[in-house]
């Protein structure tokens, strides 16, 4: 098997294992796929437009809109009209949503710890650099080394 196919296969297997590891943890928190990433992103910014949030979550606005509808129904997120752009919404966490987002963040931290178990700090930095370069290659971007 050629090296590029092996890398692709490993990345695919890693992503599938990651999903299978996270799914039951997020189901236990009452969340469906897509919702944890939205909550975690909202921890970083207190108020954000739907467009910016979609970019942060690496999803299209339609997909994000469906997740936001469910998160609003659950009482985790609120939408309000942006005073500067009446067609835009500002998205923020409710107090309940903030608590749920912190739980989500802990799950992601535990996964990160598990993924990097046995890696030195230097190896983690190198791995990050390699993965970032691969992502830039896919996006046809320059890497900032």
N, C-alpha and C. Protein backbone atom coordinates (compact mmCIF):
# COMPACT_ATOMS: atom_id res chain seq x y z
N UNK A 1 0.86 -1.17 0.00
CA UNK A 1 0.00 0.00 0.00
C UNK A 1 0.91 1.24 0.00
N UNK A 2 0.57 2.21 -0.84
CA UNK A 2 1.40 3.41 -0.88
C UNK A 2 1.16 4.27 0.35
N UNK A 3 2.17 5.07 0.69
CA UNK A 3 2.13 5.86 1.93
C UNK A 3 0.93 6.80 2.02
N UNK A 4 0.56 7.48 0.91
CA UNK A 4 -0.55 8.43 0.98
C UNK A 4 -1.86 7.71 1.29
N UNK A 5 -2.04 6.50 0.76
CA UNK A 5 -3.25 5.74 1.06
C UNK A 5 -3.25 5.34 2.54
N UNK A 6 -2.08 5.01 3.07
CA UNK A 6 -1.99 4.63 4.48
C UNK A 6 -2.34 5.82 5.37
N UNK A 7 -1.86 7.00 5.01
CA UNK A 7 -2.18 8.19 5.79
C UNK A 7 -3.67 8.46 5.75
N UNK A 8 -4.24 8.38 4.53
CA UNK A 8 -5.68 8.60 4.39
C UNK A 8 -6.47 7.60 5.22
N UNK A 9 -6.08 6.33 5.16
CA UNK A 9 -6.78 5.29 5.91
C UNK A 9 -6.66 5.52 7.42
N UNK A 10 -5.47 5.89 7.87
CA UNK A 10 -5.27 6.16 9.30
C UNK A 10 -6.10 7.35 9.75
N UNK A 11 -6.13 8.40 8.95
CA UNK A 11 -6.93 9.57 9.31
C UNK A 11 -8.42 9.21 9.36
N UNK A 12 -8.86 8.39 8.42
CA UNK A 12 -10.26 7.95 8.41
C UNK A 12 -10.56 7.13 9.66
N UNK A 13 -9.69 6.16 9.97
CA UNK A 13 -9.90 5.32 11.16
C UNK A 13 -9.87 6.16 12.43
N UNK A 14 -8.96 7.11 12.50
CA UNK A 14 -8.87 7.99 13.66
C UNK A 14 -10.16 8.78 13.83
N UNK A 15 -10.69 9.31 12.74
CA UNK A 15 -11.93 10.08 12.81
C UNK A 15 -13.10 9.20 13.24
N UNK A 16 -13.17 8.00 12.70
CA UNK A 16 -14.26 7.09 13.08
C UNK A 16 -14.17 6.70 14.56
N UNK A 17 -12.98 6.40 15.04
CA UNK A 17 -12.80 6.06 16.45
C UNK A 17 -13.15 7.25 17.34
N UNK A 18 -12.74 8.44 16.91
CA UNK A 18 -13.06 9.66 17.67
C UNK A 18 -14.56 9.82 17.80
N UNK A 19 -15.26 9.65 16.69
CA UNK A 19 -16.73 9.78 16.71
C UNK A 19 -17.37 8.74 17.61
N UNK A 20 -16.90 7.50 17.50
CA UNK A 20 -17.47 6.42 18.31
C UNK A 20 -17.18 6.61 19.80
N UNK A 21 -16.06 7.23 20.09
CA UNK A 21 -15.70 7.51 21.48
C UNK A 21 -16.56 8.64 22.05
N UNK A 22 -16.78 9.68 21.25
CA UNK A 22 -17.51 10.86 21.72
C UNK A 22 -19.02 10.68 21.73
N UNK A 23 -19.56 9.96 20.76
CA UNK A 23 -21.02 9.86 20.61
C UNK A 23 -21.74 9.48 21.90
N UNK A 24 -21.34 8.39 22.58
CA UNK A 24 -22.08 8.03 23.80
C UNK A 24 -21.93 9.06 24.93
N UNK A 25 -20.79 9.72 24.98
CA UNK A 25 -20.59 10.74 26.01
C UNK A 25 -21.51 11.93 25.78
N UNK A 26 -21.67 12.32 24.51
CA UNK A 26 -22.54 13.45 24.22
C UNK A 26 -24.02 13.05 24.29
N UNK A 27 -24.33 11.81 23.94
CA UNK A 27 -25.71 11.34 24.10
C UNK A 27 -26.10 11.37 25.57
N UNK A 28 -25.15 11.01 26.44
CA UNK A 28 -25.39 11.04 27.89
C UNK A 28 -25.69 12.48 28.35
N UNK A 29 -25.10 13.47 27.66
CA UNK A 29 -25.36 14.88 27.97
C UNK A 29 -26.62 15.39 27.27
N UNK A 30 -27.27 14.51 26.49
CA UNK A 30 -28.51 14.91 25.79
C UNK A 30 -28.27 15.69 24.52
N UNK A 31 -27.09 15.50 23.92
CA UNK A 31 -26.73 16.25 22.72
C UNK A 31 -26.58 15.34 21.51
N UNK A 32 -26.94 15.87 20.35
CA UNK A 32 -26.79 15.15 19.10
C UNK A 32 -25.53 15.63 18.40
N UNK A 33 -25.02 14.85 17.41
CA UNK A 33 -23.81 15.29 16.69
C UNK A 33 -23.98 16.71 16.14
N UNK A 34 -22.92 17.49 16.23
CA UNK A 34 -22.97 18.87 15.76
C UNK A 34 -23.21 19.87 16.88
N UNK A 35 -24.04 19.49 17.83
CA UNK A 35 -24.36 20.41 18.92
C UNK A 35 -23.18 20.67 19.87
N UNK A 36 -22.39 19.64 20.22
CA UNK A 36 -21.26 19.90 21.13
C UNK A 36 -20.27 20.93 20.57
N UNK A 37 -19.97 20.84 19.29
CA UNK A 37 -19.04 21.78 18.68
C UNK A 37 -19.56 23.21 18.73
N UNK A 38 -20.86 23.38 18.56
CA UNK A 38 -21.47 24.71 18.62
C UNK A 38 -21.35 25.26 20.04
N UNK A 39 -21.68 24.44 21.02
CA UNK A 39 -21.59 24.90 22.42
C UNK A 39 -20.15 25.26 22.79
N UNK A 40 -19.20 24.43 22.37
CA UNK A 40 -17.80 24.69 22.68
C UNK A 40 -17.33 25.98 22.02
N UNK A 41 -17.73 26.21 20.79
CA UNK A 41 -17.35 27.44 20.08
C UNK A 41 -17.92 28.67 20.78
N UNK A 42 -19.14 28.54 21.29
CA UNK A 42 -19.77 29.67 21.97
C UNK A 42 -19.13 30.00 23.32
N UNK A 43 -18.38 29.06 23.87
CA UNK A 43 -17.63 29.35 25.10
C UNK A 43 -16.51 30.36 24.82
N UNK A 44 -16.01 30.34 23.59
CA UNK A 44 -14.89 31.21 23.23
C UNK A 44 -15.32 32.65 23.01
N UNK A 45 -16.55 32.84 22.51
CA UNK A 45 -17.05 34.18 22.23
C UNK A 45 -18.42 34.31 22.85
N UNK A 46 -18.65 35.38 23.59
CA UNK A 46 -19.92 35.51 24.30
C UNK A 46 -21.09 35.81 23.37
N UNK A 47 -20.84 36.56 22.32
CA UNK A 47 -21.90 36.88 21.37
C UNK A 47 -21.28 36.88 19.98
N UNK A 48 -21.91 36.15 19.06
CA UNK A 48 -21.31 35.96 17.74
C UNK A 48 -22.43 35.87 16.70
N UNK A 49 -22.15 36.30 15.49
CA UNK A 49 -23.15 36.18 14.44
C UNK A 49 -23.22 34.73 13.99
N UNK A 50 -24.34 34.38 13.40
CA UNK A 50 -24.53 33.02 12.93
C UNK A 50 -23.48 32.67 11.87
N UNK A 51 -23.15 33.63 11.02
CA UNK A 51 -22.15 33.41 9.97
C UNK A 51 -20.78 33.11 10.57
N UNK A 52 -20.38 33.90 11.56
CA UNK A 52 -19.09 33.68 12.22
C UNK A 52 -19.06 32.33 12.93
N UNK A 53 -20.17 32.00 13.55
CA UNK A 53 -20.26 30.72 14.26
C UNK A 53 -20.15 29.55 13.30
N UNK A 54 -20.79 29.66 12.15
CA UNK A 54 -20.70 28.61 11.13
C UNK A 54 -19.25 28.43 10.69
N UNK A 55 -18.54 29.52 10.53
CA UNK A 55 -17.12 29.44 10.13
C UNK A 55 -16.30 28.78 11.23
N UNK A 56 -16.55 29.15 12.48
CA UNK A 56 -15.81 28.56 13.61
C UNK A 56 -16.05 27.06 13.72
N UNK A 57 -17.28 26.65 13.41
CA UNK A 57 -17.66 25.24 13.53
C UNK A 57 -17.38 24.44 12.26
N UNK A 58 -16.94 25.12 11.20
CA UNK A 58 -16.63 24.47 9.93
C UNK A 58 -17.85 23.76 9.34
N UNK A 59 -19.01 24.44 9.40
CA UNK A 59 -20.24 23.92 8.81
C UNK A 59 -20.92 25.04 8.03
N UNK A 60 -21.84 24.65 7.14
CA UNK A 60 -22.57 25.69 6.41
C UNK A 60 -23.67 26.25 7.32
N UNK A 61 -24.17 27.41 6.94
CA UNK A 61 -25.13 28.11 7.80
C UNK A 61 -26.45 27.34 7.94
N UNK A 62 -26.84 26.58 6.91
CA UNK A 62 -28.08 25.81 6.98
C UNK A 62 -27.97 24.72 8.05
N UNK A 63 -26.85 24.01 8.04
CA UNK A 63 -26.63 22.96 9.04
C UNK A 63 -26.60 23.57 10.43
N UNK A 64 -25.89 24.68 10.57
CA UNK A 64 -25.80 25.35 11.85
C UNK A 64 -27.18 25.80 12.32
N UNK A 65 -27.98 26.32 11.42
CA UNK A 65 -29.31 26.83 11.76
C UNK A 65 -30.16 25.73 12.39
N UNK A 66 -30.11 24.52 11.83
CA UNK A 66 -30.87 23.39 12.39
C UNK A 66 -30.40 23.06 13.80
N UNK A 67 -29.06 23.04 13.98
CA UNK A 67 -28.52 22.77 15.32
C UNK A 67 -28.91 23.87 16.31
N UNK A 68 -28.88 25.12 15.86
CA UNK A 68 -29.25 26.23 16.73
C UNK A 68 -30.71 26.15 17.13
N UNK A 69 -31.59 25.78 16.18
CA UNK A 69 -33.01 25.64 16.50
C UNK A 69 -33.20 24.68 17.67
N UNK A 70 -32.50 23.53 17.61
CA UNK A 70 -32.62 22.54 18.67
C UNK A 70 -32.03 23.05 19.98
N UNK A 71 -30.89 23.74 19.89
CA UNK A 71 -30.25 24.26 21.09
C UNK A 71 -31.07 25.37 21.74
N UNK A 72 -31.77 26.15 20.92
CA UNK A 72 -32.69 27.17 21.46
C UNK A 72 -33.85 26.48 22.19
N UNK A 73 -34.41 25.43 21.57
CA UNK A 73 -35.52 24.68 22.20
C UNK A 73 -35.09 24.07 23.54
N UNK A 74 -33.83 23.63 23.61
CA UNK A 74 -33.32 23.04 24.84
C UNK A 74 -33.00 24.10 25.90
N UNK A 75 -33.00 25.36 25.49
CA UNK A 75 -32.71 26.44 26.43
C UNK A 75 -31.23 26.70 26.63
N UNK A 76 -30.38 26.19 25.74
CA UNK A 76 -28.94 26.36 25.87
C UNK A 76 -28.41 27.60 25.14
N UNK A 77 -29.15 28.04 24.14
CA UNK A 77 -28.69 29.12 23.27
C UNK A 77 -29.83 30.10 23.05
N UNK A 78 -29.47 31.36 22.87
CA UNK A 78 -30.48 32.34 22.49
C UNK A 78 -30.01 33.11 21.27
N UNK A 79 -31.00 33.50 20.47
CA UNK A 79 -30.76 34.31 19.28
C UNK A 79 -31.40 35.66 19.51
N UNK A 80 -30.69 36.70 19.13
CA UNK A 80 -31.34 38.00 19.14
C UNK A 80 -30.90 38.76 17.89
N UNK A 81 -31.75 39.63 17.44
CA UNK A 81 -31.47 40.40 16.23
C UNK A 81 -30.29 41.33 16.48
N UNK A 82 -29.37 41.36 15.52
CA UNK A 82 -28.21 42.24 15.58
C UNK A 82 -28.66 43.65 15.25
N UNK A 83 -28.41 44.58 16.16
CA UNK A 83 -28.82 45.97 15.96
C UNK A 83 -28.18 46.59 14.71
N UNK A 84 -26.95 46.15 14.39
CA UNK A 84 -26.22 46.70 13.25
C UNK A 84 -26.68 46.11 11.91
N UNK A 85 -27.23 44.94 11.94
CA UNK A 85 -27.67 44.27 10.72
C UNK A 85 -28.95 43.52 11.05
N UNK A 86 -30.08 44.08 10.72
CA UNK A 86 -31.37 43.50 11.15
C UNK A 86 -31.67 42.13 10.56
N UNK A 87 -30.94 41.75 9.51
CA UNK A 87 -31.14 40.42 8.93
C UNK A 87 -30.27 39.38 9.62
N UNK A 88 -29.36 39.84 10.49
CA UNK A 88 -28.43 38.94 11.16
C UNK A 88 -28.88 38.69 12.60
N UNK A 89 -28.49 37.54 13.10
CA UNK A 89 -28.76 37.18 14.48
C UNK A 89 -27.46 37.10 15.25
N UNK A 90 -27.50 37.50 16.50
CA UNK A 90 -26.39 37.30 17.42
C UNK A 90 -26.73 36.09 18.28
N UNK A 91 -25.77 35.20 18.39
CA UNK A 91 -25.97 33.93 19.10
C UNK A 91 -25.16 33.99 20.39
N UNK A 92 -25.78 33.54 21.48
CA UNK A 92 -25.05 33.47 22.75
C UNK A 92 -25.59 32.32 23.60
N UNK A 93 -24.79 31.92 24.56
CA UNK A 93 -25.19 30.87 25.48
C UNK A 93 -26.08 31.44 26.57
N UNK A 94 -27.04 30.66 27.00
CA UNK A 94 -27.82 30.99 28.20
C UNK A 94 -26.99 30.50 29.39
N UNK A 95 -27.34 30.85 30.60
CA UNK A 95 -26.62 30.30 31.76
C UNK A 95 -26.62 28.76 31.77
N UNK A 96 -27.75 28.17 31.44
CA UNK A 96 -27.83 26.69 31.37
C UNK A 96 -26.93 26.17 30.26
N UNK A 97 -26.93 26.87 29.13
CA UNK A 97 -26.09 26.49 28.00
C UNK A 97 -24.61 26.61 28.33
N UNK A 98 -24.27 27.60 29.11
CA UNK A 98 -22.88 27.78 29.51
C UNK A 98 -22.41 26.61 30.36
N UNK A 99 -23.26 26.15 31.26
CA UNK A 99 -22.92 24.97 32.08
C UNK A 99 -22.77 23.73 31.20
N UNK A 100 -23.69 23.56 30.24
CA UNK A 100 -23.62 22.41 29.34
C UNK A 100 -22.36 22.50 28.48
N UNK A 101 -22.01 23.70 28.03
CA UNK A 101 -20.81 23.89 27.21
C UNK A 101 -19.55 23.55 27.99
N UNK A 102 -19.54 23.84 29.28
CA UNK A 102 -18.39 23.48 30.12
C UNK A 102 -18.26 21.97 30.23
N UNK A 103 -19.39 21.27 30.32
CA UNK A 103 -19.36 19.80 30.36
C UNK A 103 -18.81 19.26 29.03
N UNK A 104 -19.24 19.86 27.94
CA UNK A 104 -18.76 19.46 26.60
C UNK A 104 -17.25 19.68 26.51
N UNK A 105 -16.81 20.82 27.00
CA UNK A 105 -15.39 21.15 26.96
C UNK A 105 -14.55 20.12 27.72
N UNK A 106 -15.06 19.65 28.84
CA UNK A 106 -14.37 18.62 29.62
C UNK A 106 -14.24 17.33 28.82
N UNK A 107 -15.31 16.96 28.12
CA UNK A 107 -15.27 15.74 27.29
C UNK A 107 -14.20 15.88 26.21
N UNK A 108 -14.14 17.04 25.56
CA UNK A 108 -13.13 17.27 24.53
C UNK A 108 -11.72 17.26 25.13
N UNK A 109 -11.56 17.83 26.33
CA UNK A 109 -10.24 17.81 26.98
C UNK A 109 -9.81 16.39 27.31
N UNK A 110 -10.75 15.57 27.77
CA UNK A 110 -10.44 14.18 28.09
C UNK A 110 -10.02 13.42 26.82
N UNK A 111 -10.71 13.71 25.71
CA UNK A 111 -10.35 13.07 24.44
C UNK A 111 -8.95 13.49 24.02
N UNK A 112 -8.66 14.77 24.11
CA UNK A 112 -7.34 15.29 23.74
C UNK A 112 -6.25 14.62 24.58
N UNK A 113 -6.52 14.48 25.87
CA UNK A 113 -5.56 13.84 26.78
C UNK A 113 -5.34 12.38 26.36
N UNK A 114 -6.41 11.71 26.03
CA UNK A 114 -6.33 10.31 25.61
C UNK A 114 -5.58 10.16 24.28
N UNK A 115 -5.86 11.07 23.34
CA UNK A 115 -5.21 11.03 22.04
C UNK A 115 -3.70 11.26 22.14
N UNK A 116 -3.30 12.12 23.05
CA UNK A 116 -1.89 12.48 23.13
C UNK A 116 -1.15 11.73 24.24
N UNK A 117 -1.79 10.74 24.83
CA UNK A 117 -1.15 9.93 25.86
C UNK A 117 0.14 9.32 25.33
N UNK A 118 1.23 9.50 26.05
CA UNK A 118 2.52 8.94 25.65
C UNK A 118 3.30 9.82 24.70
N UNK A 119 2.74 10.96 24.29
CA UNK A 119 3.45 11.89 23.42
C UNK A 119 4.14 12.94 24.28
N UNK A 120 5.38 13.23 23.96
CA UNK A 120 6.06 14.32 24.65
C UNK A 120 5.48 15.65 24.15
N UNK A 121 5.80 16.71 24.87
CA UNK A 121 5.36 18.06 24.46
C UNK A 121 5.86 18.37 23.05
N UNK A 122 7.10 18.02 22.79
CA UNK A 122 7.70 18.27 21.47
C UNK A 122 6.99 17.46 20.39
N UNK A 123 6.68 16.21 20.66
CA UNK A 123 5.95 15.38 19.70
C UNK A 123 4.56 15.95 19.42
N UNK A 124 3.90 16.44 20.46
CA UNK A 124 2.58 17.05 20.27
C UNK A 124 2.67 18.28 19.36
N UNK A 125 3.69 19.10 19.57
CA UNK A 125 3.89 20.28 18.73
C UNK A 125 4.16 19.88 17.28
N UNK A 126 4.98 18.84 17.10
CA UNK A 126 5.29 18.37 15.75
C UNK A 126 4.04 17.83 15.07
N UNK A 127 3.28 17.01 15.80
CA UNK A 127 2.05 16.45 15.25
C UNK A 127 1.10 17.56 14.84
N UNK A 128 0.93 18.53 15.71
CA UNK A 128 0.05 19.66 15.40
C UNK A 128 0.52 20.36 14.12
N UNK A 129 1.81 20.57 14.03
CA UNK A 129 2.38 21.23 12.85
C UNK A 129 2.11 20.43 11.58
N UNK A 130 2.28 19.11 11.64
CA UNK A 130 2.04 18.26 10.48
C UNK A 130 0.56 18.27 10.08
N UNK A 131 -0.30 18.15 11.06
CA UNK A 131 -1.74 18.15 10.77
C UNK A 131 -2.19 19.50 10.21
N UNK A 132 -1.65 20.58 10.78
CA UNK A 132 -1.98 21.91 10.28
C UNK A 132 -1.52 22.07 8.83
N UNK A 133 -0.34 21.55 8.52
CA UNK A 133 0.17 21.61 7.15
C UNK A 133 -0.72 20.81 6.20
N UNK A 134 -1.18 19.65 6.64
CA UNK A 134 -2.07 18.84 5.81
C UNK A 134 -3.38 19.58 5.54
N UNK A 135 -3.93 20.22 6.57
CA UNK A 135 -5.15 20.99 6.42
C UNK A 135 -4.94 22.14 5.43
N UNK A 136 -3.82 22.82 5.57
CA UNK A 136 -3.52 23.91 4.63
C UNK A 136 -3.36 23.39 3.20
N UNK A 137 -2.76 22.21 3.07
CA UNK A 137 -2.63 21.61 1.73
C UNK A 137 -4.00 21.39 1.11
N UNK A 138 -4.94 20.90 1.91
CA UNK A 138 -6.30 20.67 1.40
C UNK A 138 -6.98 21.97 1.03
N UNK A 139 -6.70 23.01 1.79
CA UNK A 139 -7.31 24.32 1.55
C UNK A 139 -6.50 25.16 0.56
N UNK A 140 -5.39 24.60 0.10
CA UNK A 140 -4.49 25.33 -0.80
C UNK A 140 -4.04 26.65 -0.21
N UNK A 141 -3.67 26.62 1.05
CA UNK A 141 -3.22 27.81 1.77
C UNK A 141 -1.73 27.68 2.06
N UNK A 142 -1.13 28.83 2.35
CA UNK A 142 0.25 28.86 2.81
C UNK A 142 0.28 28.52 4.29
N UNK A 143 1.28 27.80 4.69
CA UNK A 143 1.45 27.44 6.10
C UNK A 143 2.28 28.54 6.77
N UNK A 144 1.84 28.97 7.94
CA UNK A 144 2.61 29.97 8.69
C UNK A 144 3.52 29.25 9.67
N UNK A 145 4.74 29.03 9.27
CA UNK A 145 5.70 28.29 10.13
C UNK A 145 6.42 29.20 11.07
